[in-house]
């Protein structure tokens, strides 16, 4: 971890000021922010050069638009969130959220589909934990509708079951090799996850059909990374199974798609 400062523009002492705030960053975040700062400076310089040689109403060419697109991850406006600090009751913990953006070229297959049907509706799906899915329907560059599928209850029930499994393991002592323990509880956890994956997949397909969308875009699922905050054994297992549920939703989407004739 690295201790450093970041300048944030805040309303301070009756005016907007760049206030230096002490923050703690892991090495990879420090490298990413330095690269983002360099990229933001390049974009500002390119935009200033283009505006200097063009009139205000003159349209930009595709090459000029490409010059101001972020080629690597670039930082957007920062946000500061305050939450109660569980480690020190009665205190507040501040978290600095840095959204990043990067330009990704449109695949050739998508270009061909949009050329054949410029108004083609598209549904995008973001998978999470407290919200199992956040769906948005888009057409002609406009957001038509959104739908949220909550997952807090599922996450809580799974955590209770995993806590019960962990408790019985501690009471029973060493596990026997090749023998499954807590068979009914593990079966209930698996059944809960499988049922949730099927229901979410069905709701995604129904949402797409309701808005006449034939293209559904899911987020790219990277490999699992363990959380950095302190958790008990049941909490770590719950976090891992919540991540695995995303893959189950994507795999469960296919049968519903064919069953609904999409």
Foldseek 3Di string as FASTA:
>chain_A
DDKDWAFAFDCPPNRTDGDIDIDDDDPVVVVQQVVQVVQQVQLVVLVVVVPVVDDPPDDDDPVSVVSNFRAGKHWDHKDKDWDADPVDGPDIDIDIDTDIDHDDDDDPVVVVVCVVPVFAKEKEWEADAQWRIWIFIDGNRDTDDIDTHGHPVVLVVQLVLLVVVVVVDVVVDDDDPPDDPPVVSVVVNVVSLLVVLLVVLLVSLVVCVVVVHPHYHYDDQDDDDFDPDDDDPSVRVSVVVSSVSSVSNVVSNVVSCVVVPD
